[in-house]
Amino acid sequence: AIYYCAAAHRPFSYHTVVLTTHEY
């Protein structure tokens, strides 16, 4: 596949792992 790196669109809490595409 093509692999993409992404950063969340806002500073989530310190321990939150962001799982959904629309949050990046």
PDBML (XML) file of the C-alpha atoms, coordinates in Angstrom:
<?xml version="1.0" encoding="UTF-8" ?>
<PDBx:datablock datablockName="MODEL"
   xmlns:PDBx="http://pdbml.pdb.org/schema/pdbx-v50.xsd"
   xmlns:xsi="http://www.w3.org/2001/XMLSchema-instance"
   xsi:schemaLocation="http://pdbml.pdb.org/schema/pdbx-v50.xsd pdbx-v50.xsd">
   <PDBx:atom_siteCategory>
      <PDBx:atom_site id="1">
         <PDBx:B_iso_or_equiv>0.00</PDBx:B_iso_or_equiv>
         <PDBx:Cartn_x>0.000</PDBx:Cartn_x>
         <PDBx:Cartn_y>0.000</PDBx:Cartn_y>
         <PDBx:Cartn_z>0.000</PDBx:Cartn_z>
         <PDBx:auth_asym_id>A</PDBx:auth_asym_id>
         <PDBx:auth_atom_id>CA</PDBx:auth_atom_id>
         <PDBx:auth_comp_id>ALA</PDBx:auth_comp_id>
         <PDBx:auth_seq_id>1</PDBx:auth_seq_id>
         <PDBx:group_PDB>ATOM</PDBx:group_PDB>
         <PDBx:label_alt_id xsi:nil="true" />
         <PDBx:label_asym_id>A</PDBx:label_asym_id>
         <PDBx:label_atom_id>CA</PDBx:label_atom_id>
         <PDBx:label_comp_id>ALA</PDBx:label_comp_id>
         <PDBx:label_entity_id>1</PDBx:label_entity_id>
         <PDBx:label_seq_id>1</PDBx:label_seq_id>
         <PDBx:occupancy>1.00</PDBx:occupancy>
         <PDBx:pdbx_PDB_model_num>1</PDBx:pdbx_PDB_model_num>
         <PDBx:type_symbol>C</PDBx:type_symbol>
      </PDBx:atom_site>
      <PDBx:atom_site id="2">
         <PDBx:B_iso_or_equiv>0.00</PDBx:B_iso_or_equiv>
         <PDBx:Cartn_x>0.923</PDBx:Cartn_x>
         <PDBx:Cartn_y>3.653</PDBx:Cartn_y>
         <PDBx:Cartn_z>0.124</PDBx:Cartn_z>
         <PDBx:auth_asym_id>A</PDBx:auth_asym_id>
         <PDBx:auth_atom_id>CA</PDBx:auth_atom_id>
         <PDBx:auth_comp_id>ILE</PDBx:auth_comp_id>
         <PDBx:auth_seq_id>2</PDBx:auth_seq_id>
         <PDBx:group_PDB>ATOM</PDBx:group_PDB>
         <PDBx:label_alt_id xsi:nil="true" />
         <PDBx:label_asym_id>A</PDBx:label_asym_id>
         <PDBx:label_atom_id>CA</PDBx:label_atom_id>
         <PDBx:label_comp_id>ILE</PDBx:label_comp_id>
         <PDBx:label_entity_id>1</PDBx:label_entity_id>
         <PDBx:label_seq_id>2</PDBx:label_seq_id>
         <PDBx:occupancy>1.00</PDBx:occupancy>
         <PDBx:pdbx_PDB_model_num>1</PDBx:pdbx_PDB_model_num>
         <PDBx:type_symbol>C</PDBx:type_symbol>
      </PDBx:atom_site>
      <PDBx:atom_site id="3">
         <PDBx:B_iso_or_equiv>0.00</PDBx:B_iso_or_equiv>
         <PDBx:Cartn_x>1.644</PDBx:Cartn_x>
         <PDBx:Cartn_y>4.494</PDBx:Cartn_y>
         <PDBx:Cartn_z>3.755</PDBx:Cartn_z>
         <PDBx:auth_asym_id>A</PDBx:auth_asym_id>
         <PDBx:auth_atom_id>CA</PDBx:auth_atom_id>
         <PDBx:auth_comp_id>TYR</PDBx:auth_comp_id>
         <PDBx:auth_seq_id>3</PDBx:auth_seq_id>
         <PDBx:group_PDB>ATOM</PDBx:group_PDB>
         <PDBx:label_alt_id xsi:nil="true" />
         <PDBx:label_asym_id>A</PDBx:label_asym_id>
         <PDBx:label_atom_id>CA</PDBx:label_atom_id>
         <PDBx:label_comp_id>TYR</PDBx:label_comp_id>
         <PDBx:label_entity_id>1</PDBx:label_entity_id>
         <PDBx:label_seq_id>3</PDBx:label_seq_id>
         <PDBx:occupancy>1.00</PDBx:occupancy>
         <PDBx:pdbx_PDB_model_num>1</PDBx:pdbx_PDB_model_num>
         <PDBx:type_symbol>C</PDBx:type_symbol>
      </PDBx:atom_site>
      <PDBx:atom_site id="4">
         <PDBx:B_iso_or_equiv>0.00</PDBx:B_iso_or_equiv>
         <PDBx:Cartn_x>0.778</PDBx:Cartn_x>
         <PDBx:Cartn_y>7.928</PDBx:Cartn_y>
         <PDBx:Cartn_z>5.103</PDBx:Cartn_z>
         <PDBx:auth_asym_id>A</PDBx:auth_asym_id>
         <PDBx:auth_atom_id>CA</PDBx:auth_atom_id>
         <PDBx:auth_comp_id>TYR</PDBx:auth_comp_id>
         <PDBx:auth_seq_id>4</PDBx:auth_seq_id>
         <PDBx:group_PDB>ATOM</PDBx:group_PDB>
         <PDBx:label_alt_id xsi:nil="true" />
         <PDBx:label_asym_id>A</PDBx:label_asym_id>
         <PDBx:label_atom_id>CA</PDBx:label_atom_id>
         <PDBx:label_comp_id>TYR</PDBx:label_comp_id>
         <PDBx:label_entity_id>1</PDBx:label_entity_id>
         <PDBx:label_seq_id>4</PDBx:label_seq_id>
         <PDBx:occupancy>1.00</PDBx:occupancy>
         <PDBx:pdbx_PDB_model_num>1</PDBx:pdbx_PDB_model_num>
         <PDBx:type_symbol>C</PDBx:type_symbol>
      </PDBx:atom_site>
      <PDBx:atom_site id="5">
         <PDBx:B_iso_or_equiv>0.00</PDBx:B_iso_or_equiv>
         <PDBx:Cartn_x>1.894</PDBx:Cartn_x>
         <PDBx:Cartn_y>9.665</PDBx:Cartn_y>
         <PDBx:Cartn_z>8.263</PDBx:Cartn_z>
         <PDBx:auth_asym_id>A</PDBx:auth_asym_id>
         <PDBx:auth_atom_id>CA</PDBx:auth_atom_id>
         <PDBx:auth_comp_id>CYS</PDBx:auth_comp_id>
         <PDBx:auth_seq_id>5</PDBx:auth_seq_id>
         <PDBx:group_PDB>ATOM</PDBx:group_PDB>
         <PDBx:label_alt_id xsi:nil="true" />
         <PDBx:label_asym_id>A</PDBx:label_asym_id>
         <PDBx:label_atom_id>CA</PDBx:label_atom_id>
         <PDBx:label_comp_id>CYS</PDBx:label_comp_id>
         <PDBx:label_entity_id>1</PDBx:label_entity_id>
         <PDBx:label_seq_id>5</PDBx:label_seq_id>
         <PDBx:occupancy>1.00</PDBx:occupancy>
         <PDBx:pdbx_PDB_model_num>1</PDBx:pdbx_PDB_model_num>
         <PDBx:type_symbol>C</PDBx:type_symbol>
      </PDBx:atom_site>
      <PDBx:atom_site id="6">
         <PDBx:B_iso_or_equiv>0.00</PDBx:B_iso_or_equiv>
         <PDBx:Cartn_x>-0.618</PDBx:Cartn_x>
         <PDBx:Cartn_y>11.978</PDBx:Cartn_y>
         <PDBx:Cartn_z>9.928</PDBx:Cartn_z>
         <PDBx:auth_asym_id>A</PDBx:auth_asym_id>
         <PDBx:auth_atom_id>CA</PDBx:auth_atom_id>
         <PDBx:auth_comp_id>ALA</PDBx:auth_comp_id>
         <PDBx:auth_seq_id>6</PDBx:auth_seq_id>
         <PDBx:group_PDB>ATOM</PDBx:group_PDB>
         <PDBx:label_alt_id xsi:nil="true" />
         <PDBx:label_asym_id>A</PDBx:label_asym_id>
         <PDBx:label_atom_id>CA</PDBx:label_atom_id>
         <PDBx:label_comp_id>ALA</PDBx:label_comp_id>
         <PDBx:label_entity_id>1</PDBx:label_entity_id>
         <PDBx:label_seq_id>6</PDBx:label_seq_id>
         <PDBx:occupancy>1.00</PDBx:occupancy>
         <PDBx:pdbx_PDB_model_num>1</PDBx:pdbx_PDB_model_num>
         <PDBx:type_symbol>C</PDBx:type_symbol>
      </PDBx:atom_site>
      <PDBx:atom_site id="7">
         <PDBx:B_iso_or_equiv>0.00</PDBx:B_iso_or_equiv>
         <PDBx:Cartn_x>-0.873</PDBx:Cartn_x>
         <PDBx:Cartn_y>14.426</PDBx:Cartn_y>
         <PDBx:Cartn_z>12.812</PDBx:Cartn_z>
         <PDBx:auth_asym_id>A</PDBx:auth_asym_id>
         <PDBx:auth_atom_id>CA</PDBx:auth_atom_id>
         <PDBx:auth_comp_id>ALA</PDBx:auth_comp_id>
         <PDBx:auth_seq_id>7</PDBx:auth_seq_id>
         <PDBx:group_PDB>ATOM</PDBx:group_PDB>
         <PDBx:label_alt_id xsi:nil="true" />
         <PDBx:label_asym_id>A</PDBx:label_asym_id>
         <PDBx:label_atom_id>CA</PDBx:label_atom_id>
         <PDBx:label_comp_id>ALA</PDBx:label_comp_id>
         <PDBx:label_entity_id>1</PDBx:label_entity_id>
         <PDBx:label_seq_id>7</PDBx:label_seq_id>
         <PDBx:occupancy>1.00</PDBx:occupancy>
         <PDBx:pdbx_PDB_model_num>1</PDBx:pdbx_PDB_model_num>
         <PDBx:type_symbol>C</PDBx:type_symbol>
      </PDBx:atom_site>
      <PDBx:atom_site id="8">
         <PDBx:B_iso_or_equiv>0.00</PDBx:B_iso_or_equiv>
         <PDBx:Cartn_x>-4.079</PDBx:Cartn_x>
         <PDBx:Cartn_y>15.074</PDBx:Cartn_y>
         <PDBx:Cartn_z>14.737</PDBx:Cartn_z>
         <PDBx:auth_asym_id>A</PDBx:auth_asym_id>
         <PDBx:auth_atom_id>CA</PDBx:auth_atom_id>
         <PDBx:auth_comp_id>ALA</PDBx:auth_comp_id>
         <PDBx:auth_seq_id>8</PDBx:auth_seq_id>
         <PDBx:group_PDB>ATOM</PDBx:group_PDB>
         <PDBx:label_alt_id xsi:nil="true" />
         <PDBx:label_asym_id>A</PDBx:label_asym_id>
         <PDBx:label_atom_id>CA</PDBx:label_atom_id>
         <PDBx:label_comp_id>ALA</PDBx:label_comp_id>
         <PDBx:label_entity_id>1</PDBx:label_entity_id>
         <PDBx:label_seq_id>8</PDBx:label_seq_id>
         <PDBx:occupancy>1.00</PDBx:occupancy>
         <PDBx:pdbx_PDB_model_num>1</PDBx:pdbx_PDB_model_num>
         <PDBx:type_symbol>C</PDBx:type_symbol>
      </PDBx:atom_site>
      <PDBx:atom_site id="9">
         <PDBx:B_iso_or_equiv>0.00</PDBx:B_iso_or_equiv>
         <PDBx:Cartn_x>-5.853</PDBx:Cartn_x>
         <PDBx:Cartn_y>18.300</PDBx:Cartn_y>
         <PDBx:Cartn_z>13.845</PDBx:Cartn_z>
         <PDBx:auth_asym_id>A</PDBx:auth_asym_id>
         <PDBx:auth_atom_id>CA</PDBx:auth_atom_id>
         <PDBx:auth_comp_id>HIS</PDBx:auth_comp_id>
         <PDBx:auth_seq_id>9</PDBx:auth_seq_id>
         <PDBx:group_PDB>ATOM</PDBx:group_PDB>
         <PDBx:label_alt_id xsi:nil="true" />
         <PDBx:label_asym_id>A</PDBx:label_asym_id>
         <PDBx:label_atom_id>CA</PDBx:label_atom_id>
         <PDBx:label_comp_id>HIS</PDBx:label_comp_id>
         <PDBx:label_entity_id>1</PDBx:label_entity_id>
         <PDBx:label_seq_id>9</PDBx:label_seq_id>
         <PDBx:occupancy>1.00</PDBx:occupancy>
         <PDBx:pdbx_PDB_model_num>1</PDBx:pdbx_PDB_model_num>
         <PDBx:type_symbol>C</PDBx:type_symbol>
      </PDBx:atom_site>
      <PDBx:atom_site id="10">
         <PDBx:B_iso_or_equiv>0.00</PDBx:B_iso_or_equiv>
         <PDBx:Cartn_x>-5.903</PDBx:Cartn_x>
         <PDBx:Cartn_y>19.558</PDBx:Cartn_y>
         <PDBx:Cartn_z>17.446</PDBx:Cartn_z>
         <PDBx:auth_asym_id>A</PDBx:auth_asym_id>
         <PDBx:auth_atom_id>CA</PDBx:auth_atom_id>
         <PDBx:auth_comp_id>ARG</PDBx:auth_comp_id>
         <PDBx:auth_seq_id>10</PDBx:auth_seq_id>
         <PDBx:group_PDB>ATOM</PDBx:group_PDB>
         <PDBx:label_alt_id xsi:nil="true" />
         <PDBx:label_asym_id>A</PDBx:label_asym_id>
         <PDBx:label_atom_id>CA</PDBx:label_atom_id>
         <PDBx:label_comp_id>ARG</PDBx:label_comp_id>
         <PDBx:label_entity_id>1</PDBx:label_entity_id>
         <PDBx:label_seq_id>10</PDBx:label_seq_id>
         <PDBx:occupancy>1.00</PDBx:occupancy>
         <PDBx:pdbx_PDB_model_num>1</PDBx:pdbx_PDB_model_num>
         <PDBx:type_symbol>C</PDBx:type_symbol>
      </PDBx:atom_site>
      <PDBx:atom_site id="11">
         <PDBx:B_iso_or_equiv>0.00</PDBx:B_iso_or_equiv>
         <PDBx:Cartn_x>-3.975</PDBx:Cartn_x>
         <PDBx:Cartn_y>18.906</PDBx:Cartn_y>
         <PDBx:Cartn_z>20.678</PDBx:Cartn_z>
         <PDBx:auth_asym_id>A</PDBx:auth_asym_id>
         <PDBx:auth_atom_id>CA</PDBx:auth_atom_id>
         <PDBx:auth_comp_id>PRO</PDBx:auth_comp_id>
         <PDBx:auth_seq_id>11</PDBx:auth_seq_id>
         <PDBx:group_PDB>ATOM</PDBx:group_PDB>
         <PDBx:label_alt_id xsi:nil="true" />
         <PDBx:label_asym_id>A</PDBx:label_asym_id>
         <PDBx:label_atom_id>CA</PDBx:label_atom_id>
         <PDBx:label_comp_id>PRO</PDBx:label_comp_id>
         <PDBx:label_entity_id>1</PDBx:label_entity_id>
         <PDBx:label_seq_id>11</PDBx:label_seq_id>
         <PDBx:occupancy>1.00</PDBx:occupancy>
         <PDBx:pdbx_PDB_model_num>1</PDBx:pdbx_PDB_model_num>
         <PDBx:type_symbol>C</PDBx:type_symbol>
      </PDBx:atom_site>
      <PDBx:atom_site id="12">
         <PDBx:B_iso_or_equiv>0.00</PDBx:B_iso_or_equiv>
         <PDBx:Cartn_x>-5.812</PDBx:Cartn_x>
         <PDBx:Cartn_y>15.935</PDBx:Cartn_y>
         <PDBx:Cartn_z>22.163</PDBx:Cartn_z>
         <PDBx:auth_asym_id>A</PDBx:auth_asym_id>
         <PDBx:auth_atom_id>CA</PDBx:auth_atom_id>
         <PDBx:auth_comp_id>PHE</PDBx:auth_comp_id>
         <PDBx:auth_seq_id>12</PDBx:auth_seq_id>
         <PDBx:group_PDB>ATOM</PDBx:group_PDB>
         <PDBx:label_alt_id xsi:nil="true" />
         <PDBx:label_asym_id>A</PDBx:label_asym_id>
         <PDBx:label_atom_id>CA</PDBx:label_atom_id>
         <PDBx:label_comp_id>PHE</PDBx:label_comp_id>
         <PDBx:label_entity_id>1</PDBx:label_entity_id>
         <PDBx:label_seq_id>12</PDBx:label_seq_id>
         <PDBx:occupancy>1.00</PDBx:occupancy>
         <PDBx:pdbx_PDB_model_num>1</PDBx:pdbx_PDB_model_num>
         <PDBx:type_symbol>C</PDBx:type_symbol>
      </PDBx:atom_site>
      <PDBx:atom_site id="13">
         <PDBx:B_iso_or_equiv>0.00</PDBx:B_iso_or_equiv>
         <PDBx:Cartn_x>-5.273</PDBx:Cartn_x>
         <PDBx:Cartn_y>15.037</PDBx:Cartn_y>
         <PDBx:Cartn_z>25.799</PDBx:Cartn_z>
         <PDBx:auth_asym_id>A</PDBx:auth_asym_id>
         <PDBx:auth_atom_id>CA</PDBx:auth_atom_id>
         <PDBx:auth_comp_id>SER</PDBx:auth_comp_id>
         <PDBx:auth_seq_id>13</PDBx:auth_seq_id>
         <PDBx:group_PDB>ATOM</PDBx:group_PDB>
         <PDBx:label_alt_id xsi:nil="true" />
         <PDBx:label_asym_id>A</PDBx:label_asym_id>
         <PDBx:label_atom_id>CA</PDBx:label_atom_id>
         <PDBx:label_comp_id>SER</PDBx:label_comp_id>
         <PDBx:label_entity_id>1</PDBx:label_entity_id>
         <PDBx:label_seq_id>13</PDBx:label_seq_id>
         <PDBx:occupancy>1.00</PDBx:occupancy>
         <PDBx:pdbx_PDB_model_num>1</PDBx:pdbx_PDB_model_num>
         <PDBx:type_symbol>C</PDBx:type_symbol>
      </PDBx:atom_site>
      <PDBx:atom_site id="14">
         <PDBx:B_iso_or_equiv>0.00</PDBx:B_iso_or_equiv>
         <PDBx:Cartn_x>-1.840</PDBx:Cartn_x>
         <PDBx:Cartn_y>13.701</PDBx:Cartn_y>
         <PDBx:Cartn_z>26.648</PDBx:Cartn_z>
         <PDBx:auth_asym_id>A</PDBx:auth_asym_id>
         <PDBx:auth_atom_id>CA</PDBx:auth_atom_id>
         <PDBx:auth_comp_id>TYR</PDBx:auth_comp_id>
         <PDBx:auth_seq_id>14</PDBx:auth_seq_id>
         <PDBx:group_PDB>ATOM</PDBx:group_PDB>
         <PDBx:label_alt_id xsi:nil="true" />
         <PDBx:label_asym_id>A</PDBx:label_asym_id>
         <PDBx:label_atom_id>CA</PDBx:label_atom_id>
         <PDBx:label_comp_id>TYR</PDBx:label_comp_id>
         <PDBx:label_entity_id>1</PDBx:label_entity_id>
         <PDBx:label_seq_id>14</PDBx:label_seq_id>
         <PDBx:occupancy>1.00</PDBx:occupancy>
         <PDBx:pdbx_PDB_model_num>1</PDBx:pdbx_PDB_model_num>
         <PDBx:type_symbol>C</PDBx:type_symbol>
      </PDBx:atom_site>
      <PDBx:atom_site id="15">
         <PDBx:B_iso_or_equiv>0.00</PDBx:B_iso_or_equiv>
         <PDBx:Cartn_x>-2.740</PDBx:Cartn_x>
         <PDBx:Cartn_y>10.007</PDBx:Cartn_y>
         <PDBx:Cartn_z>26.696</PDBx:Cartn_z>
         <PDBx:auth_asym_id>A</PDBx:auth_asym_id>
         <PDBx:auth_atom_id>CA</PDBx:auth_atom_id>
         <PDBx:auth_comp_id>HIS</PDBx:auth_comp_id>
         <PDBx:auth_seq_id>15</PDBx:auth_seq_id>
         <PDBx:group_PDB>ATOM</PDBx:group_PDB>
         <PDBx:label_alt_id xsi:nil="true" />
         <PDBx:label_asym_id>A</PDBx:label_asym_id>
         <PDBx:label_atom_id>CA</PDBx:label_atom_id>
         <PDBx:label_comp_id>HIS</PDBx:label_comp_id>
         <PDBx:label_entity_id>1</PDBx:label_entity_id>
         <PDBx:label_seq_id>15</PDBx:label_seq_id>
         <PDBx:occupancy>1.00</PDBx:occupancy>
         <PDBx:pdbx_PDB_model_num>1</PDBx:pdbx_PDB_model_num>
         <PDBx:type_symbol>C</PDBx:type_symbol>
      </PDBx:atom_site>
      <PDBx:atom_site id="16">
         <PDBx:B_iso_or_equiv>0.00</PDBx:B_iso_or_equiv>
         <PDBx:Cartn_x>-5.257</PDBx:Cartn_x>
         <PDBx:Cartn_y>9.880</PDBx:Cartn_y>
         <PDBx:Cartn_z>23.829</PDBx:Cartn_z>
         <PDBx:auth_asym_id>A</PDBx:auth_asym_id>
         <PDBx:auth_atom_id>CA</PDBx:auth_atom_id>
         <PDBx:auth_comp_id>THR</PDBx:auth_comp_id>
         <PDBx:auth_seq_id>16</PDBx:auth_seq_id>
         <PDBx:group_PDB>ATOM</PDBx:group_PDB>
         <PDBx:label_alt_id xsi:nil="true" />
         <PDBx:label_asym_id>A</PDBx:label_asym_id>
         <PDBx:label_atom_id>CA</PDBx:label_atom_id>
         <PDBx:label_comp_id>THR</PDBx:label_comp_id>
         <PDBx:label_entity_id>1</PDBx:label_entity_id>
         <PDBx:label_seq_id>16</PDBx:label_seq_id>
         <PDBx:occupancy>1.00</PDBx:occupancy>
         <PDBx:pdbx_PDB_model_num>1</PDBx:pdbx_PDB_model_num>
         <PDBx:type_symbol>C</PDBx:type_symbol>
      </PDBx:atom_site>
      <PDBx:atom_site id="17">
         <PDBx:B_iso_or_equiv>0.00</PDBx:B_iso_or_equiv>
         <PDBx:Cartn_x>-4.501</PDBx:Cartn_x>
         <PDBx:Cartn_y>7.724</PDBx:Cartn_y>
         <PDBx:Cartn_z>20.798</PDBx:Cartn_z>
         <PDBx:auth_asym_id>A</PDBx:auth_asym_id>
         <PDBx:auth_atom_id>CA</PDBx:auth_atom_id>
         <PDBx:auth_comp_id>VAL</PDBx:auth_comp_id>
         <PDBx:auth_seq_id>17</PDBx:auth_seq_id>
         <PDBx:group_PDB>ATOM</PDBx:group_PDB>
         <PDBx:label_alt_id xsi:nil="true" />
         <PDBx:label_asym_id>A</PDBx:label_asym_id>
         <PDBx:label_atom_id>CA</PDBx:label_atom_id>
         <PDBx:label_comp_id>VAL</PDBx:label_comp_id>
         <PDBx:label_entity_id>1</PDBx:label_entity_id>
         <PDBx:label_seq_id>17</PDBx:label_seq_id>
         <PDBx:occupancy>1.00</PDBx:occupancy>
         <PDBx:pdbx_PDB_model_num>1</PDBx:pdbx_PDB_model_num>
         <PDBx:type_symbol>C</PDBx:type_symbol>
      </PDBx:atom_site>
      <PDBx:atom_site id="18">
         <PDBx:B_iso_or_equiv>0.00</PDBx:B_iso_or_equiv>
         <PDBx:Cartn_x>-6.444</PDBx:Cartn_x>
         <PDBx:Cartn_y>9.062</PDBx:Cartn_y>
         <PDBx:Cartn_z>17.834</PDBx:Cartn_z>
         <PDBx:auth_asym_id>A</PDBx:auth_asym_id>
         <PDBx:auth_atom_id>CA</PDBx:auth_atom_id>
         <PDBx:auth_comp_id>VAL</PDBx:auth_comp_id>
         <PDBx:auth_seq_id>18</PDBx:auth_seq_id>
         <PDBx:group_PDB>ATOM</PDBx:group_PDB>
         <PDBx:label_alt_id xsi:nil="true" />
         <PDBx:label_asym_id>A</PDBx:label_asym_id>
         <PDBx:label_atom_id>CA</PDBx:label_atom_id>
         <PDBx:label_comp_id>VAL</PDBx:label_comp_id>
         <PDBx:label_entity_id>1</PDBx:label_entity_id>
         <PDBx:label_seq_id>18</PDBx:label_seq_id>
         <PDBx:occupancy>1.00</PDBx:occupancy>
         <PDBx:pdbx_PDB_model_num>1</PDBx:pdbx_PDB_model_num>
         <PDBx:type_symbol>C</PDBx:type_symbol>
      </PDBx:atom_site>
      <PDBx:atom_site id="19">
         <PDBx:B_iso_or_equiv>0.00</PDBx:B_iso_or_equiv>
         <PDBx:Cartn_x>-7.994</PDBx:Cartn_x>
         <PDBx:Cartn_y>6.323</PDBx:Cartn_y>
         <PDBx:Cartn_z>15.725</PDBx:Cartn_z>
         <PDBx:auth_asym_id>A</PDBx:auth_asym_id>
         <PDBx:auth_atom_id>CA</PDBx:auth_atom_id>
         <PDBx:auth_comp_id>LEU</PDBx:auth_comp_id>
         <PDBx:auth_seq_id>19</PDBx:auth_seq_id>
         <PDBx:group_PDB>ATOM</PDBx:group_PDB>
         <PDBx:label_alt_id xsi:nil="true" />
         <PDBx:label_asym_id>A</PDBx:label_asym_id>
         <PDBx:label_atom_id>CA</PDBx:label_atom_id>
         <PDBx:label_comp_id>LEU</PDBx:label_comp_id>
         <PDBx:label_entity_id>1</PDBx:label_entity_id>
         <PDBx:label_seq_id>19</PDBx:label_seq_id>
         <PDBx:occupancy>1.00</PDBx:occupancy>
         <PDBx:pdbx_PDB_model_num>1</PDBx:pdbx_PDB_model_num>
         <PDBx:type_symbol>C</PDBx:type_symbol>
      </PDBx:atom_site>
      <PDBx:atom_site id="20">
         <PDBx:B_iso_or_equiv>0.00</PDBx:B_iso_or_equiv>
         <PDBx:Cartn_x>-10.207</PDBx:Cartn_x>
         <PDBx:Cartn_y>7.925</PDBx:Cartn_y>
         <PDBx:Cartn_z>13.103</PDBx:Cartn_z>
         <PDBx:auth_asym_id>A</PDBx:auth_asym_id>
         <PDBx:auth_atom_id>CA</PDBx:auth_atom_id>
         <PDBx:auth_comp_id>THR</PDBx:auth_comp_id>
         <PDBx:auth_seq_id>20</PDBx:auth_seq_id>
         <PDBx:group_PDB>ATOM</PDBx:group_PDB>
         <PDBx:label_alt_id xsi:nil="true" />
         <PDBx:label_asym_id>A</PDBx:label_asym_id>
         <PDBx:label_atom_id>CA</PDBx:label_atom_id>
         <PDBx:label_comp_id>THR</PDBx:label_comp_id>
         <PDBx:label_entity_id>1</PDBx:label_entity_id>
         <PDBx:label_seq_id>20</PDBx:label_seq_id>
         <PDBx:occupancy>1.00</PDBx:occupancy>
         <PDBx:pdbx_PDB_model_num>1</PDBx:pdbx_PDB_model_num>
         <PDBx:type_symbol>C</PDBx:type_symbol>
      </PDBx:atom_site>
      <PDBx:atom_site id="21">
         <PDBx:B_iso_or_equiv>0.00</PDBx:B_iso_or_equiv>
         <PDBx:Cartn_x>-9.210</PDBx:Cartn_x>
         <PDBx:Cartn_y>9.505</PDBx:Cartn_y>
         <PDBx:Cartn_z>9.809</PDBx:Cartn_z>
         <PDBx:auth_asym_id>A</PDBx:auth_asym_id>
         <PDBx:auth_atom_id>CA</PDBx:auth_atom_id>
         <PDBx:auth_comp_id>THR</PDBx:auth_comp_id>
         <PDBx:auth_seq_id>21</PDBx:auth_seq_id>
         <PDBx:group_PDB>ATOM</PDBx:group_PDB>
         <PDBx:label_alt_id xsi:nil="true" />
         <PDBx:label_asym_id>A</PDBx:label_asym_id>
         <PDBx:label_atom_id>CA</PDBx:label_atom_id>
         <PDBx:label_comp_id>THR</PDBx:label_comp_id>
         <PDBx:label_entity_id>1</PDBx:label_entity_id>
         <PDBx:label_seq_id>21</PDBx:label_seq_id>
         <PDBx:occupancy>1.00</PDBx:occupancy>
         <PDBx:pdbx_PDB_model_num>1</PDBx:pdbx_PDB_model_num>
         <PDBx:type_symbol>C</PDBx:type_symbol>
      </PDBx:atom_site>
      <PDBx:atom_site id="22">
         <PDBx:B_iso_or_equiv>0.00</PDBx:B_iso_or_equiv>
         <PDBx:Cartn_x>-11.324</PDBx:Cartn_x>
         <PDBx:Cartn_y>12.639</PDBx:Cartn_y>
         <PDBx:Cartn_z>10.255</PDBx:Cartn_z>
         <PDBx:auth_asym_id>A</PDBx:auth_asym_id>
         <PDBx:auth_atom_id>CA</PDBx:auth_atom_id>
         <PDBx:auth_comp_id>HIS</PDBx:auth_comp_id>
         <PDBx:auth_seq_id>22</PDBx:auth_seq_id>
         <PDBx:group_PDB>ATOM</PDBx:group_PDB>
         <PDBx:label_alt_id xsi:nil="true" />
         <PDBx:label_asym_id>A</PDBx:label_asym_id>
         <PDBx:label_atom_id>CA</PDBx:label_atom_id>
         <PDBx:label_comp_id>HIS</PDBx:label_comp_id>
         <PDBx:label_entity_id>1</PDBx:label_entity_id>
         <PDBx:label_seq_id>22</PDBx:label_seq_id>
         <PDBx:occupancy>1.00</PDBx:occupancy>
         <PDBx:pdbx_PDB_model_num>1</PDBx:pdbx_PDB_model_num>
         <PDBx:type_symbol>C</PDBx:type_symbol>
      </PDBx:atom_site>
      <PDBx:atom_site id="23">
         <PDBx:B_iso_or_equiv>0.00</PDBx:B_iso_or_equiv>
         <PDBx:Cartn_x>-9.521</PDBx:Cartn_x>
         <PDBx:Cartn_y>13.541</PDBx:Cartn_y>
         <PDBx:Cartn_z>13.503</PDBx:Cartn_z>
         <PDBx:auth_asym_id>A</PDBx:auth_asym_id>
         <PDBx:auth_atom_id>CA</PDBx:auth_atom_id>
         <PDBx:auth_comp_id>GLU</PDBx:auth_comp_id>
         <PDBx:auth_seq_id>23</PDBx:auth_seq_id>
         <PDBx:group_PDB>ATOM</PDBx:group_PDB>
         <PDBx:label_alt_id xsi:nil="true" />
         <PDBx:label_asym_id>A</PDBx:label_asym_id>
         <PDBx:label_atom_id>CA</PDBx:label_atom_id>
         <PDBx:label_comp_id>GLU</PDBx:label_comp_id>
         <PDBx:label_entity_id>1</PDBx:label_entity_id>
         <PDBx:label_seq_id>23</PDBx:label_seq_id>
         <PDBx:occupancy>1.00</PDBx:occupancy>
         <PDBx:pdbx_PDB_model_num>1</PDBx:pdbx_PDB_model_num>
         <PDBx:type_symbol>C</PDBx:type_symbol>
      </PDBx:atom_site>
      <PDBx:atom_site id="24">
         <PDBx:B_iso_or_equiv>0.00</PDBx:B_iso_or_equiv>
         <PDBx:Cartn_x>-6.246</PDBx:Cartn_x>
         <PDBx:Cartn_y>13.904</PDBx:Cartn_y>
         <PDBx:Cartn_z>11.610</PDBx:Cartn_z>
         <PDBx:auth_asym_id>A</PDBx:auth_asym_id>
         <PDBx:auth_atom_id>CA</PDBx:auth_atom_id>
         <PDBx:auth_comp_id>TYR</PDBx:auth_comp_id>
         <PDBx:auth_seq_id>24</PDBx:auth_seq_id>
         <PDBx:group_PDB>ATOM</PDBx:group_PDB>
         <PDBx:label_alt_id xsi:nil="true" />
         <PDBx:label_asym_id>A</PDBx:label_asym_id>
         <PDBx:label_atom_id>CA</PDBx:label_atom_id>
         <PDBx:label_comp_id>TYR</PDBx:label_comp_id>
         <PDBx:label_entity_id>1</PDBx:label_entity_id>
         <PDBx:label_seq_id>24</PDBx:label_seq_id>
         <PDBx:occupancy>1.00</PDBx:occupancy>
         <PDBx:pdbx_PDB_model_num>1</PDBx:pdbx_PDB_model_num>
         <PDBx:type_symbol>C</PDBx:type_symbol>
      </PDBx:atom_site>
   </PDBx:atom_siteCategory>
</PDBx:datablock>
